[in-house]
Amino acid sequence: MRGVGVKPAPRTFIQRRMMTLNKRLLRLSLFQFGLGFSIVVFNGALNRVLIAEEQIPAGFVGWLLSLGLFVAPVRALMGFWSDREQRTYGYRRLPYAWYGMMMVFCALSAAPFSLLLLSKASQLNSEVPFPVAFALCTLIFLLYALGVHIGQTGYLALVTDLTPKRERSQAMAFLWTALIIGQIVSALVISLLLEEFHPIKLIQVMQTSSLVFLVLGVAAIWKQDRPVELEPDSDDFSSKIWGVLSERRMRLFFGILFIGTLGLTAQDVLLEPYGGQVLGMTVSETARLTALWGVGMLAAMGIAWRLIPRLDSPMPIALLSCLVGLVGFGLIASASASRQVLPFALGAAVVGVASGLFLISTLSLVTSLADTKTAGLYVGMWGLVQTFAAGLGALGGSNLRDIVVRITGDIAQSYTAVYLAEIVLISATMLFLLAMPRQAFVLRERPVSAFAGLSDIPGSG
């Protein structure tokens, strides 16, 4: 006798809506995953080669990589404009995401030539004057910085439009995880491709990365935008910004965010050159440092997943991130004295944990404080301050390295000076957190974890 099959119960509207949202979110995450490739190439492999192999002063390279500092306000401004966009060709967010993607693609494709330009211009009797080569490289890197700001702002605004309010923090956390995973995967792939380094091979890697980003970006945003009813708003951009900063506790928070980010990111453009010049690591070996840093970031997310929902405020996690950061930079600084790779690699992973904890704790606080009318502005200002601090950190750290090496003539001591400066900044952040009134950021309701609901995403559980 044949068994009678049991007909599955029909899915409810909520279940169908959740499945549609999750598929959409997974496709949207391709943008962040592809962006991870460009970040590793730009901030990792290229700057390492320029400083260590081509002997370009770290201050010049730091300038190129810190250009995002000077165009950081574009992030908040583009978000404000996209909010008021009257639907270009039927879309509101898509044009900004598309323009930014094309800028990143063009800059990433042209960036390898900065290696050739600066390399030739730095030689004696060069046909290309160094100021001319440096100006052209500045334009290329500026295009990349603008593209990231404009594209990611339009993209995140699009995600916000497509995600129910109660699920936005979970969606943002998932997309940030995709960004980190993209950096880890790309760091491993690039390290394998550059086992035997050659400038032409680096050019091929960077141009391939630009194509990967463009394909994934188009796949992520294709037909995702939808019509949205706009409500009239008489407030201009500046009045909304000053409205947030009128609160003393918010000024204190953004000050802590700035100093903490500065302390945790000043070494970003120096870790790989440090490994090459002080510890004698190859290009392939230093490229793996980004993967270690990414693993540390993912570990931080797991820690925050467990701790933040149990606290009345995410700020104790920010304090914990500072403690972890001190340990990480202590390990990195000790590597220059012992000339050992192991404490350096371990320190890079620990700094990744500290950076992840600080990022998640501050972002969780912003999303918890914001209401439906200020959520985009709060998150935009958080991104503005963080980007500004990271760019200033890259510029300041690289120039401090150059100044110390000219004074002392000791390359290892110049890097150590940067790490000690970061330890001072992180210690100052800890003091501000400890001195902050306990009730300043205690929330009436426990903040929703930035990771809650990820089990609903197919393949996550």
Protein backbone atom coordinates (compact mmCIF):
# COMPACT_ATOMS: atom_id res chain seq x y z
CA MET A 1 0.00 0.00 0.00
CA ARG A 2 1.44 3.35 -1.02
CA GLY A 3 1.87 5.87 1.72
CA VAL A 4 -0.08 9.02 1.49
CA GLY A 5 2.21 12.04 1.45
CA VAL A 6 1.53 14.85 3.87
CA LYS A 7 0.95 18.10 2.09
CA PRO A 8 3.06 20.85 3.65
CA ALA A 9 1.16 23.65 5.28
CA PRO A 10 0.98 26.76 3.13
CA ARG A 11 3.42 29.48 4.10
CA THR A 12 1.96 32.51 5.79
CA PHE A 13 2.42 36.01 4.39
CA ILE A 14 5.07 36.76 7.04
CA GLN A 15 7.01 33.62 6.16
CA ARG A 16 6.90 34.45 2.45
CA ARG A 17 7.92 38.03 3.24
CA MET A 18 10.86 36.83 5.36
CA MET A 19 12.08 34.45 2.64
CA THR A 20 11.86 37.24 0.03
CA LEU A 21 13.71 39.65 2.31
CA ASN A 22 16.45 37.16 3.07
CA LYS A 23 17.04 36.36 -0.59
CA ARG A 24 17.12 40.06 -1.33
CA LEU A 25 19.52 40.68 1.56
CA LEU A 26 21.83 37.90 0.41
CA ARG A 27 21.96 39.41 -3.06
CA LEU A 28 22.53 42.91 -1.65
CA SER A 29 25.47 41.57 0.36
CA LEU A 30 27.37 40.94 -2.90
CA PHE A 31 28.10 44.68 -3.06
CA GLN A 32 29.87 44.64 0.31
CA PHE A 33 31.65 41.40 -0.53
CA GLY A 34 33.01 42.90 -3.75
CA LEU A 35 33.95 46.12 -1.98
CA GLY A 36 36.11 44.03 0.34
CA PHE A 37 38.28 43.10 -2.66
CA SER A 38 38.96 46.74 -3.50
CA ILE A 39 39.77 47.65 0.09
CA VAL A 40 42.38 44.91 0.43
CA VAL A 41 44.04 45.84 -2.85
CA PHE A 42 44.05 49.58 -2.19
CA ASN A 43 44.86 49.65 1.52
CA GLY A 44 46.98 46.51 1.66
CA ALA A 45 48.96 45.21 -1.27
CA LEU A 46 49.40 48.49 -3.18
CA ASN A 47 50.59 50.59 -0.24
CA ARG A 48 52.97 47.81 0.87
CA VAL A 49 54.60 47.70 -2.58
CA LEU A 50 54.84 51.48 -2.87
CA ILE A 51 56.56 51.84 0.52
CA ALA A 52 58.64 48.68 0.85
CA GLU A 53 59.51 47.72 -2.74
CA GLU A 54 59.50 51.09 -4.53
CA GLN A 55 60.85 53.09 -1.55
CA ILE A 56 58.19 55.80 -1.90
CA PRO A 57 58.06 57.85 1.36
CA ALA A 58 55.30 56.60 3.62
CA GLY A 59 54.05 60.16 4.00
CA PHE A 60 53.20 60.35 0.29
CA VAL A 61 51.45 56.98 0.38
CA GLY A 62 49.62 57.96 3.56
CA TRP A 63 48.41 61.11 1.81
CA LEU A 64 46.99 59.07 -1.07
CA LEU A 65 45.22 56.64 1.24
CA SER A 66 43.89 59.40 3.51
CA LEU A 67 42.09 61.32 0.76
CA GLY A 68 38.84 59.85 2.04
CA LEU A 69 39.37 62.17 5.02
CA PHE A 70 38.85 65.29 2.91
CA VAL A 71 35.76 64.05 1.09
CA ALA A 72 34.14 62.34 4.10
CA PRO A 73 31.35 64.96 4.34
CA VAL A 74 30.14 63.68 0.96
CA ARG A 75 28.82 60.60 2.75
CA ALA A 76 26.36 62.55 4.88
CA LEU A 77 25.53 64.99 2.08
CA MET A 78 24.79 62.24 -0.45
CA GLY A 79 22.53 60.53 2.05
CA PHE A 80 20.66 63.80 2.59
CA TRP A 81 20.30 64.35 -1.15
CA SER A 82 19.15 60.80 -1.80
CA ASP A 83 16.47 61.27 0.86
CA ARG A 84 15.11 64.18 -1.17
CA GLU A 85 15.73 62.64 -4.59
CA GLN A 86 12.67 62.94 -6.82
CA ARG A 87 13.37 59.64 -8.55
CA THR A 88 15.86 59.89 -11.42
CA TYR A 89 14.59 57.68 -14.27
CA GLY A 90 12.23 56.07 -11.78
CA TYR A 91 14.79 55.46 -9.03
CA ARG A 92 15.93 57.27 -5.90
CA ARG A 93 18.90 55.38 -4.42
CA LEU A 94 20.10 53.46 -7.46
CA PRO A 95 21.72 56.41 -9.29
CA TYR A 96 23.98 57.19 -6.32
CA ALA A 97 24.99 53.56 -5.90
CA TRP A 98 25.68 53.26 -9.63
CA TYR A 99 27.72 56.48 -9.90
CA GLY A 100 29.84 55.42 -6.94
CA MET A 101 30.38 51.93 -8.34
CA MET A 102 31.64 53.29 -11.65
CA MET A 103 34.03 55.65 -9.85
CA VAL A 104 35.47 52.76 -7.84
CA PHE A 105 35.76 50.62 -10.96
CA CYS A 106 37.60 53.31 -12.93
CA ALA A 107 39.90 54.21 -10.03
CA LEU A 108 40.74 50.60 -9.23
CA SER A 109 41.50 49.92 -12.90
CA ALA A 110 43.79 52.96 -13.14
CA ALA A 111 45.43 52.65 -9.71
CA PRO A 112 48.15 50.15 -10.77
CA PHE A 113 49.59 52.81 -13.04
CA SER A 114 50.30 54.90 -9.94
CA LEU A 115 52.84 52.21 -9.11
CA LEU A 116 54.56 52.65 -12.48
CA LEU A 117 54.32 56.44 -12.40
CA LEU A 118 55.75 56.87 -8.92
CA SER A 119 58.39 54.21 -9.52
CA LYS A 120 59.70 55.93 -12.64
CA ALA A 121 59.33 59.45 -11.26
CA SER A 122 61.36 58.56 -8.14
CA GLN A 123 64.34 57.56 -10.29
CA LEU A 124 67.09 59.99 -11.25
CA ASN A 125 66.82 61.62 -14.70
CA SER A 126 63.22 60.49 -14.99
CA GLU A 127 61.16 61.80 -17.90
CA VAL A 128 58.16 62.16 -15.59
CA PRO A 129 58.59 64.80 -12.84
CA PHE A 130 57.68 63.44 -9.43
CA PRO A 131 55.15 66.28 -8.67
CA VAL A 132 53.30 65.50 -11.92
CA ALA A 133 53.20 61.77 -11.18
CA PHE A 134 52.08 62.41 -7.60
CA ALA A 135 49.30 64.78 -8.78
CA LEU A 136 47.96 62.17 -11.21
CA CYS A 137 48.03 59.52 -8.48
CA THR A 138 46.17 61.90 -6.16
CA LEU A 139 43.38 62.23 -8.74
CA ILE A 140 43.13 58.44 -9.08
CA PHE A 141 42.95 57.86 -5.33
CA LEU A 142 40.54 60.78 -4.89
CA LEU A 143 38.21 59.22 -7.46
CA TYR A 144 38.31 55.96 -5.49
CA ALA A 145 37.52 57.72 -2.20
CA LEU A 146 34.59 59.61 -3.72
CA GLY A 147 33.30 56.44 -5.32
CA VAL A 148 33.31 54.51 -2.05
CA HIS A 149 31.53 57.32 -0.19
CA ILE A 150 28.87 57.96 -2.81
CA GLY A 151 28.31 54.33 -3.78
CA GLN A 152 28.14 52.92 -0.28
CA THR A 153 25.89 55.74 0.93
CA GLY A 154 23.39 55.16 -1.87
CA TYR A 155 23.66 51.42 -1.35
CA LEU A 156 23.06 51.56 2.42
CA ALA A 157 20.18 53.98 1.91
CA LEU A 158 18.70 51.47 -0.54
CA VAL A 159 19.07 48.69 2.03
CA THR A 160 17.31 50.89 4.60
CA ASP A 161 14.40 51.47 2.22
CA LEU A 162 14.02 47.74 1.54
CA THR A 163 14.33 46.57 5.16
CA PRO A 164 11.61 46.82 7.82
CA LYS A 165 12.59 49.12 10.66
CA ARG A 166 12.76 46.33 13.23
CA GLU A 167 15.23 44.42 11.05
CA ARG A 168 17.57 47.18 9.91
CA SER A 169 20.24 46.64 12.55
CA GLN A 170 20.36 42.93 11.74
CA ALA A 171 20.62 43.67 8.02
CA MET A 172 23.43 46.20 8.51
CA ALA A 173 25.38 43.77 10.67
CA PHE A 174 24.99 41.01 8.11
CA LEU A 175 26.19 43.30 5.32
CA TRP A 176 29.17 44.39 7.42
CA THR A 177 30.01 40.74 7.94
CA ALA A 178 29.92 40.27 4.17
CA LEU A 179 32.40 43.14 3.82
CA ILE A 180 34.82 41.53 6.28
CA ILE A 181 34.48 38.11 4.68
CA GLY A 182 35.19 39.72 1.32
CA GLN A 183 38.39 41.19 2.74
CA ILE A 184 39.46 37.85 4.21
CA VAL A 185 38.80 35.93 0.99
CA SER A 186 40.48 38.54 -1.18
CA ALA A 187 43.51 38.73 1.13
CA LEU A 188 43.99 34.97 0.85
CA VAL A 189 43.51 34.98 -2.93
CA ILE A 190 45.87 37.92 -3.43
CA SER A 191 48.52 36.35 -1.20
CA LEU A 192 48.46 33.24 -3.40
CA LEU A 193 48.58 35.24 -6.64
CA LEU A 194 51.51 37.32 -5.41
CA GLU A 195 53.66 34.45 -4.13
CA GLU A 196 56.18 35.51 -6.77
CA PHE A 197 55.84 39.28 -6.89
CA HIS A 198 56.13 41.27 -10.11
CA PRO A 199 54.66 44.75 -10.80
CA ILE A 200 52.82 43.47 -13.89
CA LYS A 201 51.21 40.72 -11.81
CA LEU A 202 50.03 43.33 -9.28
CA ILE A 203 48.45 45.32 -12.12
CA GLN A 204 46.61 42.22 -13.31
CA VAL A 205 45.37 41.49 -9.79
CA MET A 206 44.06 45.03 -9.28
CA GLN A 207 42.29 45.22 -12.63
CA THR A 208 40.72 41.81 -12.05
CA SER A 209 39.54 43.03 -8.63
CA SER A 210 37.90 46.05 -10.26
CA LEU A 211 35.97 43.78 -12.62
CA VAL A 212 34.93 41.47 -9.76
CA PHE A 213 33.61 44.44 -7.80
CA LEU A 214 31.64 45.79 -10.76
CA VAL A 215 30.01 42.44 -11.57
CA LEU A 216 29.08 41.77 -7.93
CA GLY A 217 27.85 45.33 -7.45
CA VAL A 218 25.54 45.18 -10.47
CA ALA A 219 24.23 41.78 -9.35
CA ALA A 220 23.55 43.23 -5.89
CA ILE A 221 21.53 46.32 -6.84
CA TRP A 222 19.89 45.18 -10.10
CA LYS A 223 16.14 45.93 -9.93
CA GLN A 224 16.29 46.41 -6.16
CA ASP A 225 15.13 50.03 -6.00
CA ARG A 226 11.43 50.80 -5.69
CA PRO A 227 9.18 53.89 -5.57
CA VAL A 228 8.94 55.60 -2.18
CA GLU A 229 6.48 58.28 -1.14
CA LEU A 230 8.38 61.42 -0.13
CA GLU A 231 7.25 63.67 2.69
CA PRO A 232 8.04 67.39 2.52
CA ASP A 233 10.80 68.49 4.90
CA SER A 234 11.70 72.16 5.37
CA ASP A 235 14.90 71.52 7.39
CA ASP A 236 18.14 71.92 5.49
CA PHE A 237 21.28 69.80 5.86
CA SER A 238 23.14 72.05 8.32
CA SER A 239 20.17 72.51 10.65
CA LYS A 240 19.75 68.75 11.00
CA ILE A 241 23.43 68.26 11.74
CA TRP A 242 23.49 70.94 14.43
CA GLY A 243 20.27 69.57 15.87
CA VAL A 244 22.06 66.32 16.72
CA LEU A 245 25.19 68.06 18.05
CA SER A 246 23.17 70.33 20.33
CA GLU A 247 23.02 67.47 22.85
CA ARG A 248 26.06 67.36 25.14
CA ARG A 249 26.02 63.58 25.37
CA MET A 250 26.14 63.27 21.59
CA ARG A 251 29.10 65.63 21.38
CA LEU A 252 30.81 63.46 23.99
CA PHE A 253 29.97 60.30 22.11
CA PHE A 254 31.29 61.54 18.78
CA GLY A 255 34.44 62.76 20.52
CA ILE A 256 35.01 59.28 21.95
CA LEU A 257 34.28 57.76 18.54
CA PHE A 258 36.82 60.06 16.90
CA ILE A 259 39.68 59.50 19.37
CA GLY A 260 39.06 55.75 19.61
CA THR A 261 38.92 55.27 15.85
CA LEU A 262 42.05 57.38 15.43
CA GLY A 263 43.90 55.21 17.94
CA LEU A 264 42.80 51.95 16.35
CA THR A 265 43.45 52.86 12.71
CA ALA A 266 46.67 54.93 12.58
CA GLN A 267 48.64 51.77 11.77
CA ASP A 268 46.39 50.62 8.94
CA VAL A 269 48.76 51.70 6.14
CA LEU A 270 51.85 50.62 8.09
CA LEU A 271 51.27 47.03 9.17
CA GLU A 272 52.29 45.45 5.88
CA PRO A 273 55.29 47.77 5.27
CA TYR A 274 56.35 47.10 8.87
CA GLY A 275 56.28 43.37 8.23
CA GLY A 276 58.36 43.81 5.08
CA GLN A 277 60.94 46.34 6.29
CA VAL A 278 61.41 45.27 9.92
CA LEU A 279 60.55 41.56 9.98
CA GLY A 280 61.60 40.63 6.44
CA MET A 281 58.23 39.21 5.43
CA THR A 282 57.38 38.70 1.75
CA VAL A 283 54.51 40.44 -0.08
CA SER A 284 52.49 37.23 0.08
CA GLU A 285 53.09 36.85 3.83
CA THR A 286 52.14 40.43 4.65
CA ALA A 287 48.99 40.14 2.51
CA ARG A 288 47.79 37.42 4.90
CA LEU A 289 47.82 39.97 7.74
CA THR A 290 44.56 41.38 6.43
CA ALA A 291 43.02 37.92 6.73
CA LEU A 292 44.20 37.71 10.37
CA TRP A 293 42.73 41.14 11.04
CA GLY A 294 39.45 40.05 9.45
CA VAL A 295 39.32 36.89 11.55
CA GLY A 296 39.75 39.11 14.61
CA MET A 297 36.86 41.30 13.44
CA LEU A 298 34.60 38.27 13.02
CA ALA A 299 35.60 37.04 16.49
CA ALA A 300 34.64 40.46 17.86
CA MET A 301 31.20 40.14 16.31
CA GLY A 302 30.72 36.81 18.05
CA ILE A 303 31.72 38.36 21.38
CA ALA A 304 29.41 41.33 20.87
CA TRP A 305 26.60 38.98 19.86
CA ARG A 306 26.73 37.40 23.30
CA LEU A 307 27.41 40.48 25.43
CA ILE A 308 25.60 43.53 24.02
CA PRO A 309 22.01 42.20 24.38
CA ARG A 310 22.68 41.49 28.08
CA LEU A 311 23.78 45.05 28.88
CA ASP A 312 21.83 48.25 29.42
CA SER A 313 24.31 50.10 27.18
CA PRO A 314 26.89 49.07 24.58
CA MET A 315 29.49 51.47 26.02
CA PRO A 316 31.12 48.86 28.34
CA ILE A 317 31.94 46.92 25.16
CA ALA A 318 33.68 50.04 23.85
CA LEU A 319 35.75 50.08 27.06
CA LEU A 320 36.55 46.40 26.56
CA SER A 321 37.69 47.13 23.01
CA CYS A 322 40.20 49.66 24.34
CA LEU A 323 41.65 47.10 26.75
CA VAL A 324 41.96 44.55 23.94
CA GLY A 325 43.55 47.19 21.71
CA LEU A 326 46.24 47.93 24.28
CA VAL A 327 47.14 44.24 24.38
CA GLY A 328 47.27 44.05 20.57
CA PHE A 329 49.53 47.05 20.12
CA GLY A 330 51.73 45.85 22.95
CA LEU A 331 52.29 42.60 21.04
CA ILE A 332 53.00 44.43 17.78
CA ALA A 333 55.47 46.82 19.42
CA SER A 334 57.30 43.93 21.08
CA ALA A 335 57.83 42.27 17.69
CA SER A 336 60.27 45.00 16.61
CA ALA A 337 62.56 44.23 19.54
CA SER A 338 62.43 40.44 19.17
CA ARG A 339 62.23 40.44 15.33
CA GLN A 340 59.69 37.63 15.60
CA VAL A 341 56.73 37.28 13.25
CA LEU A 342 54.47 35.35 15.64
CA PRO A 343 53.77 38.18 18.17
CA PHE A 344 53.29 40.56 15.26
CA ALA A 345 50.73 38.33 13.55
CA LEU A 346 48.97 37.64 16.85
CA GLY A 347 48.92 41.36 17.61
CA ALA A 348 47.33 42.10 14.22
CA ALA A 349 44.54 39.62 14.98
CA VAL A 350 44.00 41.10 18.47
CA VAL A 351 43.80 44.62 17.00
CA GLY A 352 41.15 43.27 14.64
CA VAL A 353 39.14 42.10 17.66
CA ALA A 354 39.49 45.52 19.29
CA SER A 355 38.44 47.33 16.11
CA GLY A 356 35.41 45.08 15.69
CA LEU A 357 34.26 45.54 19.28
CA PHE A 358 34.62 49.31 19.05
CA LEU A 359 32.78 49.47 15.73
CA ILE A 360 29.87 47.28 16.84
CA SER A 361 29.46 48.95 20.24
CA THR A 362 29.37 52.49 18.84
CA LEU A 363 27.10 51.55 15.93
CA SER A 364 24.73 49.70 18.27
CA LEU A 365 24.50 52.80 20.46
CA VAL A 366 23.72 55.06 17.49
CA THR A 367 20.96 52.79 16.18
CA SER A 368 19.50 52.48 19.68
CA LEU A 369 19.35 56.25 20.25
CA ALA A 370 17.94 57.17 16.85
CA ASP A 371 14.24 57.27 16.11
CA THR A 372 12.53 56.87 12.76
CA LYS A 373 13.17 60.51 11.83
CA THR A 374 16.86 60.58 12.72
CA ALA A 375 18.15 57.05 12.04
CA GLY A 376 19.70 57.88 8.66
CA LEU A 377 21.27 61.06 9.96
CA TYR A 378 22.71 59.39 13.06
CA VAL A 379 24.21 56.50 11.08
CA GLY A 380 25.49 58.93 8.45
CA MET A 381 27.21 61.07 11.07
CA TRP A 382 28.68 57.95 12.67
CA GLY A 383 30.15 57.00 9.29
CA LEU A 384 31.39 60.56 8.73
CA VAL A 385 33.25 60.73 12.05
CA GLN A 386 34.69 57.25 11.67
CA THR A 387 35.89 57.90 8.12
CA PHE A 388 37.38 61.26 9.08
CA ALA A 389 39.25 59.73 12.02
CA ALA A 390 40.50 56.78 9.98
CA GLY A 391 41.78 59.06 7.21
CA LEU A 392 43.48 61.38 9.68
CA GLY A 393 44.99 58.34 11.40
CA ALA A 394 46.47 57.06 8.12
CA LEU A 395 47.93 60.48 7.34
CA GLY A 396 49.24 61.11 10.84
CA GLY A 397 50.66 57.63 11.37
CA SER A 398 52.56 57.53 8.08
CA ASN A 399 54.00 61.02 8.57
CA LEU A 400 55.02 60.26 12.15
CA ARG A 401 56.86 57.20 10.85
CA ASP A 402 58.76 59.35 8.29
CA ILE A 403 59.65 62.03 10.86
CA VAL A 404 61.01 59.55 13.39
CA VAL A 405 63.08 57.65 10.83
CA ARG A 406 64.68 60.91 9.68
CA ILE A 407 65.52 61.89 13.25
CA THR A 408 66.76 58.52 14.49
CA GLY A 409 67.71 56.67 11.32
CA ASP A 410 66.15 53.54 12.87
CA ILE A 411 63.33 52.11 10.76
CA ALA A 412 62.07 49.79 13.52
CA GLN A 413 61.94 52.63 16.04
CA SER A 414 59.91 54.77 13.62
CA TYR A 415 57.15 52.15 13.44
CA THR A 416 57.26 51.57 17.20
CA ALA A 417 56.71 55.31 17.75
CA VAL A 418 53.44 55.08 15.82
CA TYR A 419 52.26 52.11 17.90
CA LEU A 420 53.11 53.91 21.13
CA ALA A 421 51.16 56.98 19.95
CA GLU A 422 48.16 54.72 19.32
CA ILE A 423 48.49 53.27 22.81
CA VAL A 424 48.31 56.83 24.18
CA LEU A 425 45.17 57.61 22.12
CA ILE A 426 43.45 54.40 23.19
CA SER A 427 44.32 55.12 26.82
CA ALA A 428 42.78 58.59 26.45
CA THR A 429 39.62 57.00 25.03
CA MET A 430 39.45 54.72 28.06
CA LEU A 431 39.74 57.70 30.39
CA PHE A 432 36.88 59.49 28.63
CA LEU A 433 34.74 56.36 28.84
CA LEU A 434 35.48 55.94 32.55
CA ALA A 435 34.83 59.63 33.24
CA MET A 436 31.53 59.61 31.36
CA PRO A 437 28.48 59.78 33.67
CA ARG A 438 26.99 56.33 34.09
CA GLN A 439 23.50 57.47 33.13
CA ALA A 440 24.59 59.33 29.98
CA PHE A 441 24.01 56.40 27.65
CA VAL A 442 22.01 53.96 29.76
CA LEU A 443 19.04 53.05 27.61
CA ARG A 444 15.58 52.47 29.00
CA GLU A 445 15.31 49.35 26.89
CA ARG A 446 18.14 46.98 26.25
CA PRO A 447 19.60 47.62 22.80
CA VAL A 448 18.68 45.11 20.18
CA SER A 449 21.72 43.03 19.29
CA ALA A 450 23.17 43.85 15.91
CA PHE A 451 23.18 40.10 15.25
CA ALA A 452 19.72 39.06 16.36
CA GLY A 453 17.76 37.35 13.63
CA LEU A 454 20.73 36.26 11.52
CA SER A 455 19.57 32.67 11.99
CA ASP A 456 16.63 33.61 9.78
CA ILE A 457 18.98 34.13 6.86
CA PRO A 458 19.23 31.00 4.70
CA GLY A 459 22.46 29.14 5.20
CA SER A 460 23.40 30.91 8.44
CA GLY A 461 22.23 28.35 10.89
